[in-house]
Amino acid sequence: MAKILVVDDSAVDRRLVASALEGHTVLEAANGDEALGKARQIKPSLIIMDVVMPGKNGFQVCRELRKIPETEHTPIIMLTTKSQPTDKEWGMRQGATEYLTKPFTDGELVEVVRRYV
């Protein structure tokens, strides 16, 4: 059972992701600053993060996570409505391991998560 940190400003979206990840320990953060603090504290096996959030966006948080020794190698899956090829390219350049777009199916998410945990 992996510890997975789900970062999204939408409580509904966090619950949708958590329900797809049954069997794992899912921890939640509602914004970028909370995600950075929790990631340092809990050292998750995987981080699933939205891009569009108030304050620090997912791209900014991803860059910061890559600079922290505790999370520099943690897989990060960007899960977002930003679906343009340039968005995906930018996300990967910021340090994302995978880039999925919303809407997603549980099967798609589970398949990607299995690659890393």
N, C-alpha and C. Protein backbone atom coordinates (compact mmCIF):
# COMPACT_ATOMS: atom_id res chain seq x y z
N MET A 1 0.85 -1.19 0.00
CA MET A 1 0.00 0.00 0.00
C MET A 1 0.89 1.24 0.00
N ALA A 2 0.70 2.09 -0.99
CA ALA A 2 1.51 3.30 -1.15
C ALA A 2 0.83 4.51 -0.51
N LYS A 3 1.65 5.47 -0.08
CA LYS A 3 1.15 6.77 0.37
C LYS A 3 1.12 7.68 -0.85
N ILE A 4 -0.07 8.15 -1.19
CA ILE A 4 -0.24 9.01 -2.36
C ILE A 4 -0.81 10.34 -1.92
N LEU A 5 -0.15 11.42 -2.29
CA LEU A 5 -0.61 12.77 -1.98
C LEU A 5 -1.37 13.30 -3.18
N VAL A 6 -2.64 13.66 -2.97
CA VAL A 6 -3.50 14.20 -4.03
C VAL A 6 -3.67 15.69 -3.76
N VAL A 7 -3.27 16.51 -4.75
CA VAL A 7 -3.28 17.96 -4.59
C VAL A 7 -4.24 18.56 -5.62
N ASP A 8 -5.31 19.16 -5.12
CA ASP A 8 -6.31 19.79 -6.00
C ASP A 8 -7.12 20.73 -5.15
N ASP A 9 -7.46 21.90 -5.68
CA ASP A 9 -8.27 22.85 -4.90
C ASP A 9 -9.73 22.43 -4.86
N SER A 10 -10.13 21.47 -5.68
CA SER A 10 -11.51 20.97 -5.68
C SER A 10 -11.63 19.73 -4.80
N ALA A 11 -12.42 19.85 -3.73
CA ALA A 11 -12.65 18.70 -2.85
C ALA A 11 -13.31 17.55 -3.61
N VAL A 12 -14.18 17.87 -4.55
CA VAL A 12 -14.85 16.83 -5.34
C VAL A 12 -13.81 16.07 -6.17
N ASP A 13 -12.91 16.78 -6.82
CA ASP A 13 -11.88 16.12 -7.62
C ASP A 13 -10.95 15.29 -6.76
N ARG A 14 -10.61 15.78 -5.56
CA ARG A 14 -9.76 14.99 -4.65
C ARG A 14 -10.45 13.69 -4.28
N ARG A 15 -11.76 13.75 -4.02
CA ARG A 15 -12.51 12.53 -3.67
C ARG A 15 -12.60 11.57 -4.84
N LEU A 16 -12.77 12.10 -6.07
CA LEU A 16 -12.82 11.24 -7.25
C LEU A 16 -11.51 10.48 -7.43
N VAL A 17 -10.40 11.18 -7.26
CA VAL A 17 -9.10 10.53 -7.37
C VAL A 17 -8.92 9.51 -6.26
N ALA A 18 -9.25 9.89 -5.03
CA ALA A 18 -9.10 8.97 -3.90
C ALA A 18 -9.93 7.71 -4.08
N SER A 19 -11.14 7.84 -4.61
CA SER A 19 -11.99 6.65 -4.78
C SER A 19 -11.40 5.71 -5.83
N ALA A 20 -10.69 6.24 -6.81
CA ALA A 20 -10.06 5.40 -7.83
C ALA A 20 -8.84 4.67 -7.27
N LEU A 21 -8.30 5.17 -6.18
CA LEU A 21 -7.05 4.62 -5.63
C LEU A 21 -7.29 3.76 -4.40
N GLU A 22 -8.40 3.09 -4.38
CA GLU A 22 -8.74 2.21 -3.28
C GLU A 22 -7.60 1.23 -3.01
N GLY A 23 -7.28 1.04 -1.74
CA GLY A 23 -6.20 0.14 -1.37
C GLY A 23 -4.90 0.88 -1.06
N HIS A 24 -4.84 2.15 -1.40
CA HIS A 24 -3.67 2.97 -1.08
C HIS A 24 -4.04 3.95 0.02
N THR A 25 -3.05 4.46 0.72
CA THR A 25 -3.27 5.52 1.69
C THR A 25 -3.24 6.84 0.93
N VAL A 26 -4.38 7.51 0.87
CA VAL A 26 -4.48 8.76 0.13
C VAL A 26 -4.54 9.92 1.11
N LEU A 27 -3.60 10.86 0.95
CA LEU A 27 -3.57 12.08 1.74
C LEU A 27 -3.87 13.22 0.80
N GLU A 28 -4.48 14.28 1.31
CA GLU A 28 -4.94 15.36 0.46
C GLU A 28 -4.34 16.71 0.83
N ALA A 29 -4.18 17.54 -0.19
CA ALA A 29 -3.80 18.93 0.01
C ALA A 29 -4.65 19.77 -0.94
N ALA A 30 -5.10 20.94 -0.46
CA ALA A 30 -6.02 21.77 -1.23
C ALA A 30 -5.33 22.89 -2.01
N ASN A 31 -4.01 23.06 -1.81
CA ASN A 31 -3.30 24.12 -2.54
C ASN A 31 -1.81 23.79 -2.56
N GLY A 32 -1.06 24.60 -3.29
CA GLY A 32 0.35 24.33 -3.47
C GLY A 32 1.18 24.41 -2.20
N ASP A 33 0.93 25.41 -1.38
CA ASP A 33 1.70 25.54 -0.15
C ASP A 33 1.45 24.36 0.79
N GLU A 34 0.19 23.96 0.90
CA GLU A 34 -0.13 22.80 1.73
C GLU A 34 0.54 21.55 1.17
N ALA A 35 0.57 21.42 -0.14
CA ALA A 35 1.21 20.27 -0.78
C ALA A 35 2.70 20.21 -0.46
N LEU A 36 3.36 21.35 -0.52
CA LEU A 36 4.80 21.38 -0.23
C LEU A 36 5.08 20.95 1.21
N GLY A 37 4.28 21.46 2.14
CA GLY A 37 4.46 21.09 3.55
C GLY A 37 4.19 19.61 3.79
N LYS A 38 3.10 19.11 3.26
CA LYS A 38 2.76 17.70 3.47
C LYS A 38 3.76 16.78 2.78
N ALA A 39 4.22 17.15 1.60
CA ALA A 39 5.18 16.31 0.88
C ALA A 39 6.47 16.16 1.69
N ARG A 40 6.93 17.25 2.28
CA ARG A 40 8.14 17.18 3.12
C ARG A 40 7.90 16.31 4.34
N GLN A 41 6.73 16.44 4.92
CA GLN A 41 6.42 15.74 6.17
C GLN A 41 6.18 14.25 5.95
N ILE A 42 5.36 13.89 4.97
CA ILE A 42 4.95 12.48 4.84
C ILE A 42 5.78 11.68 3.84
N LYS A 43 6.55 12.37 2.99
CA LYS A 43 7.36 11.71 1.97
C LYS A 43 6.54 10.68 1.20
N PRO A 44 5.57 11.12 0.41
CA PRO A 44 4.69 10.18 -0.30
C PRO A 44 5.44 9.38 -1.36
N SER A 45 4.87 8.24 -1.72
CA SER A 45 5.42 7.40 -2.78
C SER A 45 5.12 8.00 -4.15
N LEU A 46 4.06 8.81 -4.22
CA LEU A 46 3.59 9.38 -5.48
C LEU A 46 2.78 10.64 -5.17
N ILE A 47 2.83 11.61 -6.08
CA ILE A 47 2.03 12.83 -5.94
C ILE A 47 1.19 12.99 -7.21
N ILE A 48 -0.11 13.21 -7.03
CA ILE A 48 -1.02 13.50 -8.13
C ILE A 48 -1.48 14.94 -7.93
N MET A 49 -1.23 15.80 -8.93
CA MET A 49 -1.44 17.23 -8.70
C MET A 49 -2.13 17.92 -9.88
N ASP A 50 -3.08 18.78 -9.54
CA ASP A 50 -3.73 19.64 -10.51
C ASP A 50 -2.77 20.77 -10.87
N VAL A 51 -3.01 21.42 -11.98
CA VAL A 51 -2.21 22.58 -12.37
C VAL A 51 -2.87 23.87 -11.90
N VAL A 52 -4.17 24.01 -12.16
CA VAL A 52 -4.88 25.26 -11.89
C VAL A 52 -5.35 25.28 -10.44
N MET A 53 -4.63 26.06 -9.61
CA MET A 53 -4.96 26.19 -8.19
C MET A 53 -4.67 27.62 -7.78
N PRO A 54 -5.34 28.11 -6.74
CA PRO A 54 -5.05 29.46 -6.25
C PRO A 54 -3.66 29.49 -5.62
N GLY A 55 -3.05 30.65 -5.64
CA GLY A 55 -1.69 30.77 -5.09
C GLY A 55 -0.71 30.13 -6.06
N LYS A 56 0.09 29.22 -5.56
CA LYS A 56 1.05 28.53 -6.42
C LYS A 56 0.33 27.52 -7.29
N ASN A 57 0.58 27.56 -8.59
CA ASN A 57 -0.04 26.56 -9.47
C ASN A 57 0.78 25.28 -9.46
N GLY A 58 0.24 24.26 -10.07
CA GLY A 58 0.90 22.96 -10.06
C GLY A 58 2.27 22.95 -10.71
N PHE A 59 2.46 23.76 -11.75
CA PHE A 59 3.78 23.84 -12.38
C PHE A 59 4.81 24.38 -11.40
N GLN A 60 4.43 25.44 -10.67
CA GLN A 60 5.34 26.04 -9.69
C GLN A 60 5.67 25.05 -8.57
N VAL A 61 4.65 24.35 -8.08
CA VAL A 61 4.86 23.38 -7.01
C VAL A 61 5.75 22.24 -7.48
N CYS A 62 5.52 21.79 -8.69
CA CYS A 62 6.34 20.72 -9.26
C CYS A 62 7.82 21.12 -9.27
N ARG A 63 8.10 22.31 -9.74
CA ARG A 63 9.48 22.81 -9.77
C ARG A 63 10.08 22.81 -8.36
N GLU A 64 9.30 23.29 -7.39
CA GLU A 64 9.81 23.35 -6.01
C GLU A 64 10.04 21.96 -5.44
N LEU A 65 9.13 21.03 -5.73
CA LEU A 65 9.29 19.65 -5.23
C LEU A 65 10.56 19.02 -5.77
N ARG A 66 10.94 19.36 -6.98
CA ARG A 66 12.16 18.80 -7.58
C ARG A 66 13.43 19.34 -6.93
N LYS A 67 13.31 20.44 -6.18
CA LYS A 67 14.47 21.03 -5.51
C LYS A 67 14.62 20.55 -4.07
N ILE A 68 13.63 19.82 -3.56
CA ILE A 68 13.64 19.35 -2.17
C ILE A 68 14.20 17.93 -2.15
N PRO A 69 15.25 17.67 -1.36
CA PRO A 69 15.84 16.33 -1.34
C PRO A 69 14.83 15.20 -1.06
N GLU A 70 13.85 15.47 -0.18
CA GLU A 70 12.87 14.42 0.17
C GLU A 70 11.94 14.07 -0.98
N THR A 71 11.80 14.97 -1.96
CA THR A 71 10.82 14.73 -3.04
C THR A 71 11.42 14.85 -4.44
N GLU A 72 12.71 15.05 -4.55
CA GLU A 72 13.30 15.28 -5.87
C GLU A 72 13.10 14.10 -6.82
N HIS A 73 12.94 12.89 -6.29
CA HIS A 73 12.76 11.71 -7.15
C HIS A 73 11.35 11.12 -7.06
N THR A 74 10.45 11.76 -6.32
CA THR A 74 9.09 11.27 -6.17
C THR A 74 8.34 11.45 -7.50
N PRO A 75 7.71 10.38 -8.00
CA PRO A 75 6.92 10.54 -9.23
C PRO A 75 5.79 11.54 -9.02
N ILE A 76 5.60 12.42 -10.00
CA ILE A 76 4.53 13.42 -9.95
C ILE A 76 3.68 13.27 -11.20
N ILE A 77 2.40 13.02 -10.99
CA ILE A 77 1.44 12.93 -12.09
C ILE A 77 0.63 14.21 -12.08
N MET A 78 0.73 14.98 -13.15
CA MET A 78 -0.11 16.16 -13.30
C MET A 78 -1.45 15.68 -13.83
N LEU A 79 -2.53 16.06 -13.17
CA LEU A 79 -3.88 15.67 -13.56
C LEU A 79 -4.70 16.95 -13.66
N THR A 80 -5.00 17.39 -14.89
CA THR A 80 -5.49 18.74 -15.08
C THR A 80 -6.40 18.88 -16.29
N THR A 81 -7.12 19.99 -16.34
CA THR A 81 -7.94 20.31 -17.50
C THR A 81 -7.11 20.98 -18.59
N LYS A 82 -5.90 21.39 -18.29
CA LYS A 82 -5.04 22.06 -19.28
C LYS A 82 -4.53 21.01 -20.26
N SER A 83 -5.16 20.97 -21.44
CA SER A 83 -4.95 19.85 -22.35
C SER A 83 -4.20 20.17 -23.64
N GLN A 84 -3.70 21.38 -23.76
CA GLN A 84 -2.95 21.73 -24.98
C GLN A 84 -1.59 21.03 -24.98
N PRO A 85 -1.08 20.67 -26.15
CA PRO A 85 0.25 20.05 -26.21
C PRO A 85 1.33 20.90 -25.52
N THR A 86 1.22 22.22 -25.62
CA THR A 86 2.21 23.08 -24.97
C THR A 86 2.11 23.00 -23.44
N ASP A 87 0.88 22.78 -22.92
CA ASP A 87 0.71 22.60 -21.47
C ASP A 87 1.45 21.34 -21.01
N LYS A 88 1.23 20.26 -21.75
CA LYS A 88 1.88 18.99 -21.39
C LYS A 88 3.40 19.13 -21.47
N GLU A 89 3.88 19.73 -22.54
CA GLU A 89 5.32 19.91 -22.70
C GLU A 89 5.89 20.74 -21.54
N TRP A 90 5.20 21.82 -21.17
CA TRP A 90 5.66 22.66 -20.07
C TRP A 90 5.64 21.89 -18.75
N GLY A 91 4.59 21.11 -18.53
CA GLY A 91 4.51 20.31 -17.31
C GLY A 91 5.66 19.33 -17.19
N MET A 92 5.99 18.67 -18.28
CA MET A 92 7.08 17.71 -18.26
C MET A 92 8.42 18.44 -18.03
N ARG A 93 8.56 19.62 -18.59
CA ARG A 93 9.78 20.40 -18.40
C ARG A 93 9.93 20.88 -16.96
N GLN A 94 8.81 21.00 -16.23
CA GLN A 94 8.86 21.43 -14.83
C GLN A 94 9.19 20.28 -13.90
N GLY A 95 9.19 19.07 -14.43
CA GLY A 95 9.56 17.91 -13.61
C GLY A 95 8.48 16.87 -13.44
N ALA A 96 7.33 17.03 -14.11
CA ALA A 96 6.28 16.02 -14.01
C ALA A 96 6.76 14.71 -14.61
N THR A 97 6.32 13.62 -14.02
CA THR A 97 6.66 12.29 -14.51
C THR A 97 5.66 11.85 -15.57
N GLU A 98 4.39 12.20 -15.36
CA GLU A 98 3.29 11.88 -16.29
C GLU A 98 2.37 13.09 -16.33
N TYR A 99 1.57 13.17 -17.40
CA TYR A 99 0.64 14.29 -17.57
C TYR A 99 -0.66 13.72 -18.10
N LEU A 100 -1.70 13.73 -17.28
CA LEU A 100 -3.03 13.25 -17.66
C LEU A 100 -4.00 14.42 -17.67
N THR A 101 -5.00 14.33 -18.53
CA THR A 101 -5.99 15.40 -18.57
C THR A 101 -7.34 14.93 -18.05
N LYS A 102 -8.08 15.89 -17.50
CA LYS A 102 -9.45 15.66 -17.05
C LYS A 102 -10.37 15.92 -18.23
N PRO A 103 -11.45 15.20 -18.38
CA PRO A 103 -11.86 14.10 -17.51
C PRO A 103 -11.02 12.86 -17.76
N PHE A 104 -10.94 12.02 -16.74
CA PHE A 104 -10.17 10.79 -16.81
C PHE A 104 -11.06 9.65 -16.35
N THR A 105 -10.68 8.43 -16.69
CA THR A 105 -11.40 7.27 -16.16
C THR A 105 -10.57 6.69 -15.01
N ASP A 106 -11.24 5.99 -14.12
CA ASP A 106 -10.53 5.34 -13.02
C ASP A 106 -9.45 4.41 -13.57
N GLY A 107 -9.80 3.69 -14.64
CA GLY A 107 -8.85 2.75 -15.23
C GLY A 107 -7.59 3.43 -15.73
N GLU A 108 -7.74 4.59 -16.37
CA GLU A 108 -6.57 5.33 -16.86
C GLU A 108 -5.67 5.74 -15.70
N LEU A 109 -6.29 6.27 -14.65
CA LEU A 109 -5.52 6.73 -13.51
C LEU A 109 -4.81 5.54 -12.82
N VAL A 110 -5.53 4.48 -12.59
CA VAL A 110 -4.95 3.31 -11.92
C VAL A 110 -3.79 2.74 -12.73
N GLU A 111 -3.94 2.70 -14.04
CA GLU A 111 -2.88 2.19 -14.90
C GLU A 111 -1.59 3.00 -14.74
N VAL A 112 -1.71 4.32 -14.72
CA VAL A 112 -0.54 5.17 -14.58
C VAL A 112 0.05 5.02 -13.18
N VAL A 113 -0.80 4.99 -12.16
CA VAL A 113 -0.30 4.86 -10.79
C VAL A 113 0.46 3.56 -10.62
N ARG A 114 -0.01 2.48 -11.21
CA ARG A 114 0.66 1.17 -11.10
C ARG A 114 2.08 1.20 -11.63
N ARG A 115 2.37 2.07 -12.57
CA ARG A 115 3.74 2.16 -13.10
C ARG A 115 4.74 2.63 -12.06
N TYR A 116 4.25 3.33 -11.03
CA TYR A 116 5.16 3.98 -10.09
C TYR A 116 5.06 3.50 -8.65
N VAL A 117 4.02 2.78 -8.32
CA VAL A 117 3.93 2.28 -6.93
C VAL A 117 3.69 0.78 -6.92
